[in-house]
Amino acid sequence: MHPRLKNLVAKYLYYTKGGVSRARYLGAKVGSNCRISNINLGTEPFLISIGNNVTITEGVILLTHDGSTWLIRDNKGRRYKYARVTIGNNVFIGVGAIIMPGVNIQDNVVIGAGAVVTKSVPANVIVAGNPAKIIGDFNKYKETALNSFLSDADLDRGVEFKTRIEALEDYFEMKEYLARS
């Protein structure tokens, strides 16, 4: 199939059936109960494996090759480097994160928005930054969320979304200010 037609079909799938259908159509392996926004699967989506209960938010890039090898040539020609990206179960990847080639993200992981993940990520951690570093423990975050965050039972599903969220305004706190250096 012509690449432009394939891209058109992929866009149609995204807008009619969602990001999971698009990712599978393009060749990525995707588990069950996943949410995938409009993400960049690179030029080799068949090298991407995504587990169960995974959320990948808007603008995430999953890279499976190193394009800088285009600069490396000798009498044998240009060089190429490809590597898989593997995402385990129960993973959240925040807006605009970049996952580099050869990265394995294990289970129960949160990747912060804008993170640049250059190395594999062990299970049960929270990572953020550029380059990404471990900044927290998933199990502590889970405990905090279960004890402090809103649950489905706390939300009034009988009203429209905006009204439901505005009714919770007193629940939310502003973050403290950054310290001056």
N, C-alpha and C. Protein backbone atom coordinates (compact mmCIF):
# COMPACT_ATOMS: atom_id res chain seq x y z
N MET A 1 0.85 -1.18 0.00
CA MET A 1 0.00 0.00 0.00
C MET A 1 0.89 1.24 0.00
N HIS A 2 0.49 2.21 -0.77
CA HIS A 2 1.23 3.47 -0.85
C HIS A 2 1.27 4.13 0.53
N PRO A 3 2.43 4.67 0.95
CA PRO A 3 2.55 5.28 2.29
C PRO A 3 1.52 6.38 2.57
N ARG A 4 1.19 7.19 1.59
CA ARG A 4 0.20 8.26 1.81
C ARG A 4 -1.18 7.68 2.09
N LEU A 5 -1.53 6.62 1.36
CA LEU A 5 -2.82 5.98 1.59
C LEU A 5 -2.84 5.31 2.96
N LYS A 6 -1.72 4.68 3.33
CA LYS A 6 -1.63 4.05 4.65
C LYS A 6 -1.80 5.10 5.75
N ASN A 7 -1.16 6.27 5.59
CA ASN A 7 -1.31 7.35 6.58
C ASN A 7 -2.74 7.86 6.64
N LEU A 8 -3.40 7.94 5.50
CA LEU A 8 -4.79 8.38 5.46
C LEU A 8 -5.69 7.39 6.20
N VAL A 9 -5.48 6.10 5.96
CA VAL A 9 -6.24 5.06 6.66
C VAL A 9 -5.98 5.14 8.17
N ALA A 10 -4.70 5.35 8.55
CA ALA A 10 -4.34 5.45 9.96
C ALA A 10 -5.04 6.63 10.62
N LYS A 11 -5.10 7.77 9.95
CA LYS A 11 -5.80 8.94 10.49
C LYS A 11 -7.29 8.66 10.62
N TYR A 12 -7.86 8.02 9.61
CA TYR A 12 -9.28 7.66 9.67
C TYR A 12 -9.54 6.77 10.88
N LEU A 13 -8.70 5.76 11.10
CA LEU A 13 -8.86 4.87 12.24
C LEU A 13 -8.76 5.64 13.56
N TYR A 14 -7.80 6.56 13.65
CA TYR A 14 -7.64 7.34 14.87
C TYR A 14 -8.92 8.12 15.19
N TYR A 15 -9.47 8.78 14.18
CA TYR A 15 -10.64 9.63 14.42
C TYR A 15 -11.94 8.85 14.56
N THR A 16 -11.99 7.62 14.06
CA THR A 16 -13.22 6.84 14.15
C THR A 16 -13.18 5.76 15.22
N LYS A 17 -12.00 5.18 15.46
CA LYS A 17 -11.91 4.07 16.42
C LYS A 17 -10.89 4.30 17.53
N GLY A 18 -10.06 5.35 17.41
CA GLY A 18 -9.13 5.69 18.47
C GLY A 18 -7.69 5.30 18.19
N GLY A 19 -6.83 5.73 19.12
CA GLY A 19 -5.39 5.55 18.97
C GLY A 19 -4.91 4.12 19.02
N VAL A 20 -5.61 3.27 19.77
CA VAL A 20 -5.20 1.86 19.85
C VAL A 20 -5.36 1.20 18.49
N SER A 21 -6.50 1.43 17.84
CA SER A 21 -6.73 0.86 16.50
C SER A 21 -5.70 1.37 15.51
N ARG A 22 -5.38 2.67 15.59
CA ARG A 22 -4.37 3.25 14.71
C ARG A 22 -3.01 2.59 14.93
N ALA A 23 -2.61 2.46 16.19
CA ALA A 23 -1.30 1.87 16.51
C ALA A 23 -1.22 0.43 16.01
N ARG A 24 -2.26 -0.34 16.24
CA ARG A 24 -2.27 -1.74 15.77
C ARG A 24 -2.21 -1.81 14.25
N TYR A 25 -2.98 -0.95 13.59
CA TYR A 25 -2.97 -0.93 12.13
C TYR A 25 -1.57 -0.64 11.59
N LEU A 26 -0.85 0.26 12.25
CA LEU A 26 0.50 0.62 11.81
C LEU A 26 1.54 -0.44 12.16
N GLY A 27 1.15 -1.43 12.98
CA GLY A 27 2.06 -2.55 13.25
C GLY A 27 2.54 -2.69 14.68
N ALA A 28 2.19 -1.75 15.55
CA ALA A 28 2.60 -1.87 16.95
C ALA A 28 1.78 -2.97 17.62
N LYS A 29 2.40 -3.67 18.56
CA LYS A 29 1.69 -4.65 19.36
C LYS A 29 1.13 -3.92 20.58
N VAL A 30 -0.20 -3.98 20.78
CA VAL A 30 -0.84 -3.24 21.86
C VAL A 30 -1.72 -4.20 22.65
N GLY A 31 -1.55 -4.21 23.97
CA GLY A 31 -2.34 -5.06 24.85
C GLY A 31 -3.76 -4.56 25.03
N SER A 32 -4.40 -5.03 26.09
CA SER A 32 -5.80 -4.67 26.33
C SER A 32 -5.91 -3.51 27.31
N ASN A 33 -7.08 -2.87 27.28
CA ASN A 33 -7.42 -1.78 28.19
C ASN A 33 -6.40 -0.63 28.12
N CYS A 34 -6.02 -0.26 26.90
CA CYS A 34 -5.06 0.83 26.69
C CYS A 34 -5.76 2.07 26.16
N ARG A 35 -5.14 3.22 26.43
CA ARG A 35 -5.59 4.50 25.89
C ARG A 35 -4.38 5.14 25.22
N ILE A 36 -4.49 5.39 23.94
CA ILE A 36 -3.38 5.98 23.19
C ILE A 36 -3.89 7.20 22.46
N SER A 37 -3.31 8.36 22.75
CA SER A 37 -3.68 9.60 22.07
C SER A 37 -2.96 9.70 20.74
N ASN A 38 -2.92 10.90 20.22
CA ASN A 38 -2.28 11.16 18.95
C ASN A 38 -0.77 11.20 19.18
N ILE A 39 -0.12 10.06 18.97
CA ILE A 39 1.31 9.94 19.26
C ILE A 39 2.08 9.63 17.97
N ASN A 40 3.39 9.81 18.04
CA ASN A 40 4.28 9.51 16.93
C ASN A 40 4.91 8.14 17.16
N LEU A 41 4.56 7.19 16.30
CA LEU A 41 5.09 5.83 16.40
C LEU A 41 6.34 5.63 15.56
N GLY A 42 6.87 6.70 15.00
CA GLY A 42 8.09 6.59 14.22
C GLY A 42 7.87 5.86 12.90
N THR A 43 8.98 5.47 12.29
CA THR A 43 8.92 4.82 10.98
C THR A 43 8.93 3.30 11.07
N GLU A 44 9.14 2.76 12.27
CA GLU A 44 9.15 1.30 12.45
C GLU A 44 8.22 0.90 13.60
N PRO A 45 6.91 1.17 13.49
CA PRO A 45 6.00 0.85 14.59
C PRO A 45 5.95 -0.64 14.93
N PHE A 46 6.37 -1.48 13.99
CA PHE A 46 6.42 -2.93 14.24
C PHE A 46 7.48 -3.30 15.27
N LEU A 47 8.34 -2.36 15.65
CA LEU A 47 9.34 -2.59 16.70
C LEU A 47 8.84 -2.15 18.08
N ILE A 48 7.56 -1.74 18.16
CA ILE A 48 7.00 -1.22 19.42
C ILE A 48 6.03 -2.25 20.00
N SER A 49 6.20 -2.50 21.30
CA SER A 49 5.32 -3.41 22.03
C SER A 49 4.79 -2.69 23.27
N ILE A 50 3.47 -2.68 23.42
CA ILE A 50 2.81 -1.97 24.52
C ILE A 50 1.96 -2.97 25.29
N GLY A 51 2.13 -3.02 26.60
CA GLY A 51 1.42 -3.98 27.45
C GLY A 51 -0.03 -3.60 27.70
N ASN A 52 -0.57 -4.12 28.79
CA ASN A 52 -1.97 -3.89 29.18
C ASN A 52 -2.06 -2.70 30.13
N ASN A 53 -3.22 -2.05 30.14
CA ASN A 53 -3.50 -0.93 31.05
C ASN A 53 -2.47 0.19 30.91
N VAL A 54 -2.21 0.58 29.67
CA VAL A 54 -1.22 1.62 29.38
C VAL A 54 -1.95 2.85 28.83
N THR A 55 -1.55 4.03 29.33
CA THR A 55 -2.03 5.29 28.79
C THR A 55 -0.83 6.03 28.21
N ILE A 56 -0.94 6.40 26.93
CA ILE A 56 0.08 7.21 26.28
C ILE A 56 -0.62 8.47 25.80
N THR A 57 -0.23 9.61 26.35
CA THR A 57 -0.94 10.86 26.13
C THR A 57 -0.45 11.59 24.88
N GLU A 58 -1.06 12.72 24.62
CA GLU A 58 -0.83 13.52 23.42
C GLU A 58 0.64 13.90 23.23
N GLY A 59 1.09 13.82 21.99
CA GLY A 59 2.41 14.32 21.62
C GLY A 59 3.59 13.45 22.02
N VAL A 60 3.36 12.25 22.52
CA VAL A 60 4.46 11.36 22.88
C VAL A 60 5.13 10.85 21.60
N ILE A 61 6.44 10.70 21.65
CA ILE A 61 7.21 10.17 20.52
C ILE A 61 7.91 8.90 20.97
N LEU A 62 7.68 7.81 20.24
CA LEU A 62 8.37 6.54 20.48
C LEU A 62 9.33 6.33 19.32
N LEU A 63 10.62 6.46 19.59
CA LEU A 63 11.63 6.34 18.53
C LEU A 63 12.21 4.94 18.48
N THR A 64 12.35 4.41 17.28
CA THR A 64 12.89 3.06 17.11
C THR A 64 14.14 3.03 16.24
N HIS A 65 14.67 4.19 15.94
CA HIS A 65 15.90 4.25 15.15
C HIS A 65 16.70 5.48 15.54
N ASP A 66 17.96 5.46 15.17
CA ASP A 66 18.84 6.60 15.40
C ASP A 66 19.13 7.24 14.05
N GLY A 67 18.43 8.32 13.75
CA GLY A 67 18.59 8.98 12.45
C GLY A 67 19.93 9.64 12.25
N SER A 68 20.67 9.89 13.33
CA SER A 68 21.96 10.56 13.18
C SER A 68 22.98 9.68 12.46
N THR A 69 22.69 8.40 12.33
CA THR A 69 23.62 7.51 11.61
C THR A 69 23.66 7.86 10.12
N TRP A 70 22.73 8.69 9.66
CA TRP A 70 22.76 9.17 8.28
C TRP A 70 24.08 9.88 7.97
N LEU A 71 24.70 10.43 9.01
CA LEU A 71 25.96 11.15 8.85
C LEU A 71 27.18 10.23 8.74
N ILE A 72 27.01 8.97 9.09
CA ILE A 72 28.14 8.06 9.18
C ILE A 72 28.20 7.20 7.92
N ARG A 73 29.26 7.39 7.14
CA ARG A 73 29.44 6.66 5.88
C ARG A 73 30.91 6.36 5.67
N ASP A 74 31.14 5.27 4.98
CA ASP A 74 32.50 4.95 4.53
C ASP A 74 32.35 4.18 3.23
N ASN A 75 33.38 3.40 2.86
CA ASN A 75 33.31 2.68 1.59
C ASN A 75 32.22 1.59 1.58
N LYS A 76 31.70 1.22 2.74
CA LYS A 76 30.60 0.25 2.82
C LYS A 76 29.23 0.94 2.81
N GLY A 77 29.21 2.28 2.82
CA GLY A 77 27.96 3.02 2.75
C GLY A 77 27.51 3.56 4.09
N ARG A 78 26.27 3.98 4.11
CA ARG A 78 25.66 4.57 5.31
C ARG A 78 25.46 3.50 6.38
N ARG A 79 25.40 3.95 7.63
CA ARG A 79 25.13 3.05 8.76
C ARG A 79 23.71 3.26 9.26
N TYR A 80 23.13 2.20 9.85
CA TYR A 80 21.77 2.22 10.38
C TYR A 80 21.77 1.63 11.77
N LYS A 81 20.91 2.16 12.63
CA LYS A 81 20.74 1.58 13.96
C LYS A 81 19.26 1.58 14.30
N TYR A 82 18.71 0.38 14.53
CA TYR A 82 17.32 0.21 14.92
C TYR A 82 17.27 -0.47 16.27
N ALA A 83 16.24 -0.18 17.06
CA ALA A 83 16.09 -0.84 18.36
C ALA A 83 14.61 -0.82 18.76
N ARG A 84 14.19 -1.85 19.46
CA ARG A 84 12.81 -1.96 19.92
C ARG A 84 12.53 -0.98 21.07
N VAL A 85 11.25 -0.67 21.22
CA VAL A 85 10.75 0.04 22.40
C VAL A 85 9.69 -0.88 23.00
N THR A 86 9.87 -1.20 24.28
CA THR A 86 8.94 -2.09 24.97
C THR A 86 8.37 -1.38 26.18
N ILE A 87 7.04 -1.40 26.27
CA ILE A 87 6.35 -0.77 27.39
C ILE A 87 5.56 -1.84 28.11
N GLY A 88 5.78 -1.98 29.41
CA GLY A 88 5.14 -3.02 30.21
C GLY A 88 3.68 -2.72 30.50
N ASN A 89 3.19 -3.33 31.56
CA ASN A 89 1.80 -3.17 31.99
C ASN A 89 1.68 -2.06 33.04
N ASN A 90 0.51 -1.40 33.03
CA ASN A 90 0.23 -0.41 34.06
C ASN A 90 1.21 0.76 33.98
N VAL A 91 1.29 1.36 32.81
CA VAL A 91 2.24 2.44 32.55
C VAL A 91 1.47 3.67 32.08
N PHE A 92 1.88 4.84 32.58
CA PHE A 92 1.33 6.12 32.13
C PHE A 92 2.49 6.93 31.57
N ILE A 93 2.34 7.44 30.33
CA ILE A 93 3.36 8.27 29.71
C ILE A 93 2.75 9.65 29.45
N GLY A 94 3.31 10.68 30.11
CA GLY A 94 2.77 12.03 30.08
C GLY A 94 3.01 12.76 28.77
N VAL A 95 2.28 13.85 28.60
CA VAL A 95 2.28 14.67 27.40
C VAL A 95 3.70 15.03 26.96
N GLY A 96 3.98 14.80 25.68
CA GLY A 96 5.23 15.25 25.08
C GLY A 96 6.47 14.48 25.48
N ALA A 97 6.33 13.37 26.16
CA ALA A 97 7.51 12.57 26.51
C ALA A 97 8.12 11.97 25.25
N ILE A 98 9.42 11.75 25.30
CA ILE A 98 10.14 11.10 24.18
C ILE A 98 10.80 9.85 24.73
N ILE A 99 10.49 8.73 24.12
CA ILE A 99 11.09 7.45 24.50
C ILE A 99 12.09 7.09 23.40
N MET A 100 13.36 6.97 23.77
CA MET A 100 14.43 6.73 22.80
C MET A 100 14.52 5.25 22.41
N PRO A 101 15.19 4.96 21.29
CA PRO A 101 15.32 3.57 20.83
C PRO A 101 16.00 2.69 21.88
N GLY A 102 15.54 1.45 21.97
CA GLY A 102 16.15 0.48 22.86
C GLY A 102 15.70 0.57 24.31
N VAL A 103 14.70 1.41 24.60
CA VAL A 103 14.23 1.58 25.97
C VAL A 103 13.17 0.53 26.30
N ASN A 104 13.33 -0.08 27.46
CA ASN A 104 12.36 -1.03 28.01
C ASN A 104 11.79 -0.39 29.28
N ILE A 105 10.47 -0.15 29.27
CA ILE A 105 9.81 0.41 30.44
C ILE A 105 9.06 -0.74 31.10
N GLN A 106 9.43 -1.07 32.32
CA GLN A 106 8.80 -2.19 33.01
C GLN A 106 7.43 -1.79 33.57
N ASP A 107 6.84 -2.63 34.41
CA ASP A 107 5.49 -2.46 34.92
C ASP A 107 5.39 -1.41 36.03
N ASN A 108 4.19 -0.83 36.16
CA ASN A 108 3.87 0.13 37.23
C ASN A 108 4.81 1.33 37.20
N VAL A 109 4.77 2.06 36.09
CA VAL A 109 5.67 3.19 35.89
C VAL A 109 4.87 4.40 35.45
N VAL A 110 5.25 5.57 35.97
CA VAL A 110 4.72 6.85 35.50
C VAL A 110 5.89 7.60 34.88
N ILE A 111 5.71 8.03 33.62
CA ILE A 111 6.70 8.86 32.93
C ILE A 111 6.12 10.27 32.90
N GLY A 112 6.81 11.24 33.49
CA GLY A 112 6.31 12.60 33.56
C GLY A 112 6.26 13.29 32.21
N ALA A 113 5.39 14.30 32.11
CA ALA A 113 5.25 15.09 30.89
C ALA A 113 6.59 15.69 30.50
N GLY A 114 6.91 15.62 29.21
CA GLY A 114 8.13 16.21 28.69
C GLY A 114 9.40 15.45 28.98
N ALA A 115 9.31 14.31 29.62
CA ALA A 115 10.51 13.53 29.94
C ALA A 115 11.18 13.02 28.67
N VAL A 116 12.50 12.95 28.70
CA VAL A 116 13.25 12.33 27.62
C VAL A 116 13.89 11.08 28.21
N VAL A 117 13.33 9.93 27.85
CA VAL A 117 13.74 8.66 28.45
C VAL A 117 14.82 8.04 27.58
N THR A 118 16.07 8.09 28.06
CA THR A 118 17.22 7.61 27.29
C THR A 118 17.71 6.25 27.74
N LYS A 119 17.22 5.79 28.89
CA LYS A 119 17.62 4.48 29.43
C LYS A 119 16.39 3.71 29.85
N SER A 120 16.51 2.40 29.97
CA SER A 120 15.39 1.57 30.39
C SER A 120 14.96 1.93 31.80
N VAL A 121 13.67 1.71 32.08
CA VAL A 121 13.07 2.14 33.35
C VAL A 121 12.63 0.91 34.14
N PRO A 122 13.14 0.74 35.38
CA PRO A 122 12.74 -0.42 36.19
C PRO A 122 11.29 -0.29 36.66
N ALA A 123 10.74 -1.39 37.14
CA ALA A 123 9.36 -1.42 37.64
C ALA A 123 9.19 -0.56 38.88
N ASN A 124 7.97 -0.08 39.06
CA ASN A 124 7.53 0.59 40.29
C ASN A 124 8.22 1.91 40.59
N VAL A 125 8.43 2.73 39.54
CA VAL A 125 9.05 4.03 39.75
C VAL A 125 8.30 5.11 38.99
N ILE A 126 8.60 6.36 39.35
CA ILE A 126 8.14 7.54 38.62
C ILE A 126 9.39 8.23 38.11
N VAL A 127 9.39 8.55 36.80
CA VAL A 127 10.55 9.24 36.22
C VAL A 127 10.10 10.53 35.57
N ALA A 128 10.99 11.52 35.53
CA ALA A 128 10.70 12.80 34.88
C ALA A 128 12.02 13.48 34.56
N GLY A 129 11.95 14.47 33.70
CA GLY A 129 13.13 15.29 33.39
C GLY A 129 13.76 14.98 32.06
N ASN A 130 14.82 15.75 31.77
CA ASN A 130 15.58 15.59 30.54
C ASN A 130 17.06 15.71 30.86
N PRO A 131 17.76 14.56 30.89
CA PRO A 131 17.27 13.20 30.69
C PRO A 131 16.46 12.74 31.90
N ALA A 132 15.56 11.78 31.66
CA ALA A 132 14.69 11.29 32.72
C ALA A 132 15.50 10.64 33.84
N LYS A 133 15.05 10.92 35.05
CA LYS A 133 15.65 10.33 36.26
C LYS A 133 14.53 9.83 37.15
N ILE A 134 14.83 8.88 37.99
CA ILE A 134 13.82 8.39 38.94
C ILE A 134 13.60 9.47 39.99
N ILE A 135 12.33 9.89 40.14
CA ILE A 135 12.01 10.94 41.11
C ILE A 135 11.05 10.46 42.18
N GLY A 136 10.54 9.24 42.05
CA GLY A 136 9.59 8.77 43.04
C GLY A 136 9.33 7.29 42.94
N ASP A 137 8.54 6.82 43.89
CA ASP A 137 8.19 5.40 44.00
C ASP A 137 6.71 5.22 43.63
N PHE A 138 6.43 4.34 42.69
CA PHE A 138 5.06 4.13 42.24
C PHE A 138 4.14 3.68 43.36
N ASN A 139 4.61 2.78 44.21
CA ASN A 139 3.75 2.26 45.28
C ASN A 139 3.37 3.35 46.29
N LYS A 140 4.29 4.27 46.59
CA LYS A 140 3.96 5.40 47.47
C LYS A 140 2.95 6.32 46.80
N TYR A 141 3.13 6.55 45.51
CA TYR A 141 2.19 7.37 44.76
C TYR A 141 0.81 6.72 44.76
N LYS A 142 0.76 5.43 44.54
CA LYS A 142 -0.51 4.70 44.54
C LYS A 142 -1.20 4.83 45.89
N GLU A 143 -0.45 4.70 46.98
CA GLU A 143 -1.02 4.82 48.32
C GLU A 143 -1.58 6.23 48.54
N THR A 144 -0.83 7.24 48.13
CA THR A 144 -1.30 8.62 48.25
C THR A 144 -2.57 8.82 47.43
N ALA A 145 -2.58 8.31 46.21
CA ALA A 145 -3.75 8.48 45.34
C ALA A 145 -4.98 7.81 45.93
N LEU A 146 -4.82 6.60 46.46
CA LEU A 146 -5.96 5.88 47.03
C LEU A 146 -6.51 6.59 48.27
N ASN A 147 -5.63 7.23 49.03
CA ASN A 147 -6.05 7.88 50.27
C ASN A 147 -6.45 9.35 50.11
N SER A 148 -6.01 10.01 49.04
CA SER A 148 -6.19 11.45 48.95
C SER A 148 -6.92 11.96 47.71
N PHE A 149 -6.90 11.23 46.63
CA PHE A 149 -7.47 11.72 45.38
C PHE A 149 -8.94 11.31 45.27
N LEU A 150 -9.66 12.01 44.41
CA LEU A 150 -11.06 11.71 44.16
C LEU A 150 -11.22 10.31 43.57
N SER A 151 -12.35 9.69 43.87
CA SER A 151 -12.65 8.38 43.28
C SER A 151 -13.87 8.52 42.38
N ASP A 152 -14.18 7.47 41.62
CA ASP A 152 -15.40 7.47 40.81
C ASP A 152 -16.62 7.75 41.69
N ALA A 153 -16.64 7.18 42.88
CA ALA A 153 -17.79 7.35 43.78
C ALA A 153 -17.95 8.80 44.24
N ASP A 154 -16.88 9.59 44.21
CA ASP A 154 -16.93 10.99 44.63
C ASP A 154 -17.52 11.92 43.57
N LEU A 155 -17.59 11.45 42.33
CA LEU A 155 -18.02 12.30 41.22
C LEU A 155 -19.50 12.12 40.93
N ASP A 156 -20.20 13.23 40.72
CA ASP A 156 -21.62 13.21 40.39
C ASP A 156 -21.76 13.02 38.89
N ARG A 157 -22.00 11.81 38.46
CA ARG A 157 -22.12 11.51 37.03
C ARG A 157 -23.45 11.97 36.44
N GLY A 158 -24.33 12.50 37.30
CA GLY A 158 -25.64 12.96 36.84
C GLY A 158 -25.62 14.36 36.24
N VAL A 159 -24.46 15.02 36.27
CA VAL A 159 -24.35 16.36 35.70
C VAL A 159 -23.25 16.36 34.63
N GLU A 160 -23.29 17.38 33.77
CA GLU A 160 -22.29 17.44 32.70
C GLU A 160 -20.89 17.61 33.29
N PHE A 161 -19.89 17.26 32.51
CA PHE A 161 -18.50 17.22 32.96
C PHE A 161 -18.05 18.54 33.59
N LYS A 162 -18.27 19.66 32.90
CA LYS A 162 -17.80 20.97 33.40
C LYS A 162 -18.42 21.28 34.76
N THR A 163 -19.70 21.06 34.90
CA THR A 163 -20.38 21.31 36.17
C THR A 163 -19.83 20.42 37.26
N ARG A 164 -19.59 19.16 36.94
CA ARG A 164 -19.06 18.20 37.91
C ARG A 164 -17.70 18.64 38.42
N ILE A 165 -16.82 19.09 37.51
CA ILE A 165 -15.47 19.50 37.91
C ILE A 165 -15.50 20.83 38.65
N GLU A 166 -16.28 21.79 38.18
CA GLU A 166 -16.37 23.08 38.86
C GLU A 166 -16.89 22.93 40.29
N ALA A 167 -17.72 21.95 40.55
CA ALA A 167 -18.24 21.71 41.90
C ALA A 167 -17.13 21.26 42.84
N LEU A 168 -16.02 20.82 42.31
CA LEU A 168 -14.90 20.32 43.12
C LEU A 168 -13.84 21.38 43.36
N GLU A 169 -14.06 22.61 42.93
CA GLU A 169 -13.05 23.65 42.98
C GLU A 169 -12.40 23.79 44.35
N ASP A 170 -13.15 23.70 45.41
CA ASP A 170 -12.59 23.84 46.76
C ASP A 170 -11.70 22.65 47.13
N TYR A 171 -11.82 21.58 46.41
CA TYR A 171 -11.05 20.37 46.70
C TYR A 171 -9.58 20.53 46.30
N PHE A 172 -9.36 21.29 45.25
CA PHE A 172 -8.01 21.40 44.68
C PHE A 172 -7.20 22.49 45.36
N GLU A 173 -5.92 22.22 45.52
CA GLU A 173 -5.01 23.19 46.12
C GLU A 173 -3.98 23.62 45.08
N MET A 174 -3.54 24.87 45.19
CA MET A 174 -2.47 25.34 44.33
C MET A 174 -1.14 24.84 44.89
N LYS A 175 -0.20 24.61 44.01
CA LYS A 175 1.12 24.16 44.44
C LYS A 175 1.89 25.32 45.06
N GLU A 176 2.86 24.99 45.91
CA GLU A 176 3.69 26.01 46.53
C GLU A 176 4.61 26.61 45.47
N TYR A 177 5.12 27.81 45.75
CA TYR A 177 6.00 28.49 44.80
C TYR A 177 7.37 27.85 44.77
N LEU A 178 8.02 27.96 43.63
CA LEU A 178 9.42 27.53 43.51
C LEU A 178 10.27 28.38 44.43
N ALA A 179 11.30 27.78 44.95
CA ALA A 179 12.24 28.53 45.80
C ALA A 179 13.19 29.32 44.92
N ARG A 180 13.52 30.52 45.39
CA ARG A 180 14.52 31.32 44.66
C ARG A 180 15.91 30.80 44.99
N SER A 181 16.77 30.81 44.00
CA SER A 181 18.13 30.30 44.27
C SER A 181 19.08 31.40 44.65
